[in-house]
């Protein structure tokens, strides 16, 4: 589905207003120990390897 520029801008603004990503991440990681965080980061990296798309 292709969205027009105006519609996309409205969608982006709505997402930004309703979701503060920084606060969400703080809440998500605040209660994690450094070991838990490292395990989660390693697991994510293994499941989502970085690759350059040509």
N, C-alpha and C. Protein backbone atom coordinates (compact mmCIF):
# COMPACT_ATOMS: atom_id res chain seq x y z
N UNK A 1 0.84 -1.18 0.00
CA UNK A 1 0.00 0.00 0.00
C UNK A 1 0.89 1.23 0.00
N UNK A 2 0.59 2.15 -0.86
CA UNK A 2 1.36 3.37 -0.96
C UNK A 2 0.57 4.51 -0.31
N UNK A 3 1.25 5.23 0.57
CA UNK A 3 0.59 6.34 1.25
C UNK A 3 1.11 7.65 0.71
N UNK A 4 0.23 8.61 0.61
CA UNK A 4 0.65 9.94 0.18
C UNK A 4 1.45 10.62 1.26
N UNK A 5 2.18 11.65 0.88
CA UNK A 5 3.05 12.35 1.82
C UNK A 5 2.26 12.93 2.99
N UNK A 6 1.15 13.53 2.71
CA UNK A 6 0.34 14.13 3.77
C UNK A 6 -0.15 13.07 4.75
N UNK A 7 -0.64 11.97 4.22
CA UNK A 7 -1.14 10.89 5.08
C UNK A 7 -0.02 10.30 5.92
N UNK A 8 1.16 10.10 5.31
CA UNK A 8 2.29 9.55 6.04
C UNK A 8 2.73 10.48 7.16
N UNK A 9 2.76 11.78 6.89
CA UNK A 9 3.13 12.74 7.93
C UNK A 9 2.16 12.67 9.10
N UNK A 10 0.88 12.54 8.81
CA UNK A 10 -0.12 12.43 9.88
C UNK A 10 0.12 11.17 10.70
N UNK A 11 0.44 10.06 10.03
CA UNK A 11 0.70 8.80 10.73
C UNK A 11 1.93 8.92 11.62
N UNK A 12 2.99 9.53 11.09
CA UNK A 12 4.21 9.71 11.88
C UNK A 12 3.95 10.57 13.10
N UNK A 13 3.21 11.66 12.93
CA UNK A 13 2.89 12.54 14.06
C UNK A 13 2.08 11.80 15.11
N UNK A 14 1.14 11.00 14.66
CA UNK A 14 0.30 10.23 15.58
C UNK A 14 1.16 9.27 16.39
N UNK A 15 2.07 8.57 15.73
CA UNK A 15 2.94 7.63 16.43
C UNK A 15 3.82 8.34 17.44
N UNK A 16 4.35 9.49 17.05
CA UNK A 16 5.22 10.23 17.96
C UNK A 16 4.46 10.75 19.16
N UNK A 17 3.24 11.19 18.96
CA UNK A 17 2.45 11.73 20.06
C UNK A 17 2.02 10.63 21.03
N UNK A 18 1.67 9.45 20.51
CA UNK A 18 1.13 8.40 21.36
C UNK A 18 2.19 7.50 21.98
N UNK A 19 3.39 7.48 21.45
CA UNK A 19 4.43 6.58 21.93
C UNK A 19 5.74 7.32 22.13
N UNK A 20 6.15 7.46 23.36
CA UNK A 20 7.46 8.04 23.63
C UNK A 20 8.44 6.89 23.74
N UNK A 21 9.18 6.65 22.66
CA UNK A 21 10.07 5.50 22.56
C UNK A 21 11.11 5.49 23.68
N UNK A 22 11.65 6.65 24.02
CA UNK A 22 12.68 6.72 25.05
C UNK A 22 12.14 6.26 26.40
N UNK A 23 10.96 6.73 26.76
CA UNK A 23 10.36 6.32 28.03
C UNK A 23 10.06 4.82 28.03
N UNK A 24 9.59 4.32 26.89
CA UNK A 24 9.28 2.89 26.79
C UNK A 24 10.54 2.07 26.99
N UNK A 25 11.65 2.47 26.36
CA UNK A 25 12.90 1.73 26.49
C UNK A 25 13.42 1.80 27.92
N UNK A 26 13.30 2.96 28.55
CA UNK A 26 13.76 3.08 29.94
C UNK A 26 13.00 2.12 30.83
N UNK A 27 11.68 2.07 30.67
CA UNK A 27 10.87 1.16 31.48
C UNK A 27 11.23 -0.29 31.18
N UNK A 28 11.49 -0.57 29.92
CA UNK A 28 11.80 -1.94 29.52
C UNK A 28 13.11 -2.42 30.13
N UNK A 29 14.13 -1.57 30.17
CA UNK A 29 15.46 -1.99 30.60
C UNK A 29 15.81 -1.62 32.03
N UNK A 30 15.02 -0.78 32.68
CA UNK A 30 15.34 -0.35 34.04
C UNK A 30 15.49 -1.50 35.02
N UNK A 31 14.65 -2.51 34.89
CA UNK A 31 14.66 -3.60 35.87
C UNK A 31 15.55 -4.77 35.46
N UNK A 32 16.35 -4.59 34.40
CA UNK A 32 17.25 -5.63 33.95
C UNK A 32 18.63 -5.43 34.57
N UNK A 33 19.23 -6.55 34.94
CA UNK A 33 20.62 -6.46 35.38
C UNK A 33 21.50 -6.32 34.14
N UNK A 34 22.74 -5.95 34.32
CA UNK A 34 23.64 -5.80 33.17
C UNK A 34 23.84 -7.14 32.46
N UNK A 35 23.85 -8.24 33.22
CA UNK A 35 23.98 -9.57 32.61
C UNK A 35 22.76 -9.91 31.76
N UNK A 36 21.57 -9.60 32.27
CA UNK A 36 20.34 -9.85 31.49
C UNK A 36 20.32 -9.02 30.22
N UNK A 37 20.75 -7.77 30.34
CA UNK A 37 20.79 -6.89 29.18
C UNK A 37 21.77 -7.44 28.14
N UNK A 38 22.93 -7.88 28.58
CA UNK A 38 23.92 -8.42 27.65
C UNK A 38 23.39 -9.67 26.96
N UNK A 39 22.75 -10.55 27.71
CA UNK A 39 22.17 -11.76 27.12
C UNK A 39 21.11 -11.41 26.07
N UNK A 40 20.28 -10.44 26.38
CA UNK A 40 19.24 -10.01 25.43
C UNK A 40 19.87 -9.40 24.18
N UNK A 41 20.92 -8.62 24.35
CA UNK A 41 21.59 -7.99 23.22
C UNK A 41 22.27 -9.03 22.33
N UNK A 42 22.93 -10.00 22.93
CA UNK A 42 23.59 -11.06 22.16
C UNK A 42 22.56 -11.89 21.42
N UNK A 43 21.49 -12.23 22.09
CA UNK A 43 20.42 -13.01 21.46
C UNK A 43 19.82 -12.26 20.27
N UNK A 44 19.57 -10.97 20.46
CA UNK A 44 19.02 -10.17 19.37
C UNK A 44 19.98 -10.12 18.19
N UNK A 45 21.26 -9.94 18.48
CA UNK A 45 22.26 -9.86 17.41
C UNK A 45 22.34 -11.16 16.62
N UNK A 46 22.23 -12.28 17.32
CA UNK A 46 22.27 -13.58 16.63
C UNK A 46 21.03 -13.79 15.77
N UNK A 47 19.89 -13.35 16.26
CA UNK A 47 18.63 -13.53 15.53
C UNK A 47 18.47 -12.52 14.40
N UNK A 48 19.18 -11.41 14.47
CA UNK A 48 19.05 -10.33 13.48
C UNK A 48 20.43 -9.89 13.01
N UNK A 49 21.14 -10.75 12.29
CA UNK A 49 22.49 -10.39 11.87
C UNK A 49 22.50 -9.18 10.94
N UNK A 50 23.48 -8.34 11.09
CA UNK A 50 23.63 -7.16 10.26
C UNK A 50 24.12 -7.58 8.88
N UNK A 51 23.48 -7.08 7.88
CA UNK A 51 23.98 -7.32 6.52
C UNK A 51 23.74 -6.08 5.68
N UNK A 52 24.66 -5.84 4.79
CA UNK A 52 24.56 -4.69 3.91
C UNK A 52 23.76 -5.11 2.68
N UNK A 53 22.69 -4.38 2.42
CA UNK A 53 21.85 -4.66 1.26
C UNK A 53 22.37 -3.86 0.09
N UNK A 54 22.56 -4.53 -1.00
CA UNK A 54 23.07 -3.86 -2.20
C UNK A 54 21.97 -3.51 -3.15
